[in-house]
């Protein structure tokens, strides 16, 4: 599920003009977002900033009948897109209610797994080694045999030669498990003993509350 920060504030301005288009200025009684009595000033027809969190409301009292209004959102927080746009209308009843909607969405994130191939017993070699990254299921890291592994290749050296797997993209929150090991792990070939080491990686992808995903990887 999406988890936008509940403390995110949205900023609005209200423009008022009379039925002839003349800006309305003055100080009006209001009920603030916390439900307490307040006032709001209009200068040349434009209100001071109104700041609201999700599901809060702001009530302006005693606006003249037949006044025209325009409500605009500004400084839109990260991750949110206005659905309502600019709202216009006219005060034709004792109470006019305007609901404003914003859509929350996430920007994806990614991780890259890397490693080093360390050779023992030789000073150098042009031999190429291959490594496999498997998707796994659950905290017991059971390899998902329905999916082919991602591969990476490198030579090796006594100090270690780096290799990188292709970048993995994430578009939604979730927890992911991976197993990394050398291809032909534990086998021998012409004097080479392939590493039998197995590495487990857990990636937790979470909504940061500001329209982005964050991926935190931890390995064993």
Protein backbone atom coordinates (compact mmCIF):
# COMPACT_ATOMS: atom_id res chain seq x y z
CA UNK A 1 0.00 0.00 0.00
CA UNK A 2 1.02 3.60 -0.54
CA UNK A 3 1.98 5.44 2.64
CA UNK A 4 2.27 9.19 2.08
CA UNK A 5 3.50 11.16 5.07
CA UNK A 6 0.35 12.12 7.05
CA UNK A 7 2.04 15.36 8.10
CA UNK A 8 2.40 16.57 4.50
CA UNK A 9 0.94 20.07 4.17
CA UNK A 10 -0.84 21.39 1.10
CA UNK A 11 -0.92 25.11 0.41
CA UNK A 12 -3.89 26.90 -1.17
CA UNK A 13 -4.85 30.44 -2.09
CA UNK A 14 -8.38 31.73 -2.62
CA UNK A 15 -9.17 34.60 -4.94
CA UNK A 16 -12.43 36.53 -4.41
CA UNK A 17 -14.17 39.03 -6.65
CA UNK A 18 -17.66 40.48 -6.55
CA UNK A 19 -20.23 39.77 -9.25
CA UNK A 20 -18.83 42.63 -11.31
CA UNK A 21 -15.27 41.29 -11.16
CA UNK A 22 -13.96 43.72 -8.55
CA UNK A 23 -11.44 42.10 -6.14
CA UNK A 24 -12.76 41.67 -2.60
CA UNK A 25 -10.39 42.66 0.19
CA UNK A 26 -10.74 42.51 3.96
CA UNK A 27 -10.47 40.21 6.92
CA UNK A 28 -12.95 37.37 7.21
CA UNK A 29 -13.83 35.13 10.13
CA UNK A 30 -12.80 31.52 9.62
CA UNK A 31 -12.56 28.13 11.22
CA UNK A 32 -9.03 26.80 11.02
CA UNK A 33 -7.78 23.35 10.14
CA UNK A 34 -7.70 22.43 13.82
CA UNK A 35 -11.34 23.45 14.27
CA UNK A 36 -10.63 26.64 16.21
CA UNK A 37 -11.79 30.17 15.39
CA UNK A 38 -9.46 32.13 13.14
CA UNK A 39 -9.36 34.95 10.62
CA UNK A 40 -8.01 35.21 7.10
CA UNK A 41 -6.95 38.32 5.22
CA UNK A 42 -7.67 39.03 1.55
CA UNK A 43 -5.49 41.64 -0.18
CA UNK A 44 -6.54 42.80 -3.64
CA UNK A 45 -8.78 39.76 -3.77
CA UNK A 46 -6.11 37.20 -2.87
CA UNK A 47 -6.09 35.31 0.42
CA UNK A 48 -3.17 34.56 2.67
CA UNK A 49 -1.81 31.01 2.38
CA UNK A 50 -4.08 28.26 3.66
CA UNK A 51 -2.20 25.15 4.77
CA UNK A 52 -4.02 21.84 5.19
CA UNK A 53 -3.11 18.22 5.77
CA UNK A 54 -5.05 15.35 4.21
CA UNK A 55 -8.74 15.34 5.23
CA UNK A 56 -8.53 18.72 6.96
CA UNK A 57 -10.78 21.64 6.08
CA UNK A 58 -10.79 25.42 6.31
CA UNK A 59 -14.03 27.39 6.51
CA UNK A 60 -14.30 31.07 5.52
CA UNK A 61 -17.40 32.85 6.79
CA UNK A 62 -19.47 35.83 5.61
CA UNK A 63 -18.30 35.89 2.00
CA UNK A 64 -20.69 38.16 0.05
CA UNK A 65 -23.46 36.49 -1.88
CA UNK A 66 -22.74 36.07 -5.62
CA UNK A 67 -19.00 36.51 -5.06
CA UNK A 68 -16.84 34.60 -7.51
CA UNK A 69 -14.01 32.47 -6.16
CA UNK A 70 -10.98 30.69 -7.52
CA UNK A 71 -8.98 28.17 -5.48
CA UNK A 72 -5.42 27.36 -6.52
CA UNK A 73 -2.90 24.97 -5.02
CA UNK A 74 0.76 26.00 -4.99
CA UNK A 75 4.10 24.51 -3.93
CA UNK A 76 2.75 21.00 -4.51
CA UNK A 77 4.59 18.46 -2.31
CA UNK A 78 6.78 15.80 -3.88
CA UNK A 79 4.88 12.73 -4.98
CA UNK A 80 1.53 14.48 -5.37
CA UNK A 81 -0.29 15.56 -8.51
CA UNK A 82 -3.38 17.79 -8.43
CA UNK A 83 -6.48 16.02 -9.69
CA UNK A 84 -8.87 18.90 -9.13
CA UNK A 85 -6.75 21.60 -10.79
CA UNK A 86 -7.86 25.20 -10.32
CA UNK A 87 -11.40 25.31 -8.93
CA UNK A 88 -13.74 28.19 -9.73
CA UNK A 89 -17.28 28.92 -8.68
CA UNK A 90 -19.78 31.42 -7.31
CA UNK A 91 -21.28 31.80 -3.88
CA UNK A 92 -24.98 31.20 -4.56
CA UNK A 93 -26.02 29.46 -1.35
CA UNK A 94 -25.54 29.89 2.36
CA UNK A 95 -22.77 27.29 2.27
CA UNK A 96 -20.52 26.35 -0.64
CA UNK A 97 -18.24 23.34 -0.25
CA UNK A 98 -15.19 22.69 -2.41
CA UNK A 99 -13.33 19.39 -2.18
CA UNK A 100 -9.80 19.24 -3.48
CA UNK A 101 -8.11 16.00 -4.52
CA UNK A 102 -4.44 15.17 -5.02
CA UNK A 103 -3.10 11.86 -6.35
CA UNK A 104 -0.10 10.28 -4.66
CA UNK A 105 2.32 8.20 -6.74
CA UNK A 106 5.83 6.83 -6.43
CA UNK A 107 9.07 7.18 -8.36
CA UNK A 108 10.93 3.90 -8.75
CA UNK A 109 14.32 2.95 -7.36
CA UNK A 110 17.01 0.37 -8.11
CA UNK A 111 19.94 -1.61 -6.72
CA UNK A 112 23.10 -3.06 -8.24
CA UNK A 113 24.77 -6.10 -6.71
CA UNK A 114 28.53 -6.37 -7.10
CA UNK A 115 31.37 -8.55 -5.93
CA UNK A 116 35.05 -9.40 -6.31
CA UNK A 117 36.73 -12.50 -7.67
CA UNK A 118 39.84 -13.31 -5.63
CA UNK A 119 42.29 -15.89 -6.93
CA UNK A 120 44.43 -18.06 -4.71
CA UNK A 121 47.59 -19.90 -5.75
CA UNK A 122 48.31 -17.77 -8.85
CA UNK A 123 49.65 -14.28 -9.44
CA UNK A 124 47.38 -13.57 -12.42
CA UNK A 125 45.13 -15.28 -14.95
CA UNK A 126 43.15 -14.43 -18.05
CA UNK A 127 40.53 -17.03 -17.18
CA UNK A 128 36.99 -15.68 -17.06
CA UNK A 129 34.57 -16.64 -14.31
CA UNK A 130 30.80 -16.39 -14.29
CA UNK A 131 28.45 -15.62 -11.41
CA UNK A 132 24.70 -16.08 -11.02
CA UNK A 133 22.10 -14.02 -9.20
CA UNK A 134 18.92 -15.95 -8.40
CA UNK A 135 15.62 -14.63 -7.17
CA UNK A 136 14.52 -16.42 -4.01
CA UNK A 137 11.30 -16.79 -2.07
CA UNK A 138 10.92 -16.15 1.64
CA UNK A 139 13.40 -15.64 4.44
CA UNK A 140 14.76 -19.18 3.94
CA UNK A 141 16.10 -18.03 0.54
CA UNK A 142 14.62 -20.87 -1.48
CA UNK A 143 15.75 -20.32 -5.08
CA UNK A 144 12.89 -19.68 -7.51
CA UNK A 145 13.60 -22.31 -10.14
CA UNK A 146 10.94 -20.91 -12.48
CA UNK A 147 13.17 -17.93 -13.29
CA UNK A 148 16.55 -17.90 -15.00
CA UNK A 149 19.39 -16.31 -13.04
CA UNK A 150 20.97 -13.01 -13.97
CA UNK A 151 24.66 -13.41 -14.79
CA UNK A 152 27.87 -11.44 -14.52
CA UNK A 153 31.43 -12.23 -15.65
CA UNK A 154 34.94 -11.18 -14.74
CA UNK A 155 38.51 -12.34 -14.59
CA UNK A 156 40.16 -12.66 -11.18
CA UNK A 157 43.27 -11.53 -9.33
CA UNK A 158 44.91 -12.08 -5.95
CA UNK A 159 43.60 -8.66 -4.84
CA UNK A 160 40.16 -9.19 -6.31
CA UNK A 161 38.61 -8.20 -9.64
CA UNK A 162 35.23 -6.47 -9.44
CA UNK A 163 32.08 -7.49 -11.26
CA UNK A 164 28.56 -6.03 -11.35
CA UNK A 165 25.20 -7.60 -12.04
CA UNK A 166 22.69 -5.65 -14.16
CA UNK A 167 20.68 -3.05 -12.29
CA UNK A 168 17.43 -4.27 -10.72
CA UNK A 169 14.47 -1.87 -10.91
CA UNK A 170 11.65 -1.61 -8.37
CA UNK A 171 8.32 0.15 -8.97
CA UNK A 172 6.44 -0.77 -5.78
CA UNK A 173 7.11 -1.40 -2.08
CA UNK A 174 8.00 -4.95 -1.10
CA UNK A 175 10.66 -7.33 0.21
CA UNK A 176 12.88 -9.27 -2.17
CA UNK A 177 15.35 -12.10 -1.62
CA UNK A 178 18.32 -13.14 -3.76
CA UNK A 179 21.05 -15.78 -3.79
CA UNK A 180 24.42 -15.14 -5.45
CA UNK A 181 26.92 -17.87 -6.25
CA UNK A 182 29.56 -18.78 -8.77
CA UNK A 183 28.55 -20.82 -11.78
CA UNK A 184 29.94 -24.34 -11.48
CA UNK A 185 30.27 -23.80 -7.72
CA UNK A 186 32.33 -26.55 -6.07
CA UNK A 187 33.47 -28.07 -9.38
CA UNK A 188 37.09 -28.57 -10.46
CA UNK A 189 38.47 -28.01 -13.96
CA UNK A 190 42.11 -28.14 -15.10
CA UNK A 191 43.43 -27.36 -11.67
CA UNK A 192 40.81 -24.71 -10.85
CA UNK A 193 38.48 -25.20 -7.89
CA UNK A 194 35.40 -23.04 -8.30
CA UNK A 195 34.23 -21.23 -5.18
CA UNK A 196 31.43 -22.88 -3.25
CA UNK A 197 30.52 -19.65 -1.44
CA UNK A 198 26.87 -18.58 -1.44
CA UNK A 199 25.69 -15.08 -0.58
CA UNK A 200 22.20 -14.11 0.46
CA UNK A 201 20.80 -10.64 -0.13
CA UNK A 202 17.60 -9.10 1.19
CA UNK A 203 16.19 -5.90 -0.31
CA UNK A 204 13.43 -3.99 1.45
CA UNK A 205 11.75 -1.43 -0.81
CA UNK A 206 9.68 1.13 1.07
CA UNK A 207 7.64 4.26 0.39
CA UNK A 208 9.57 7.22 1.82
CA UNK A 209 6.35 9.19 2.24
CA UNK A 210 7.45 11.89 -0.21
CA UNK A 211 6.75 10.22 -3.52
CA UNK A 212 9.85 8.05 -3.73
CA UNK A 213 10.87 4.47 -3.15
CA UNK A 214 13.94 3.63 -1.09
CA UNK A 215 15.71 0.28 -1.38
CA UNK A 216 17.77 -0.97 1.55
CA UNK A 217 19.90 -4.05 0.91
CA UNK A 218 21.40 -6.28 3.57
CA UNK A 219 23.45 -9.40 2.97
CA UNK A 220 24.71 -12.49 4.77
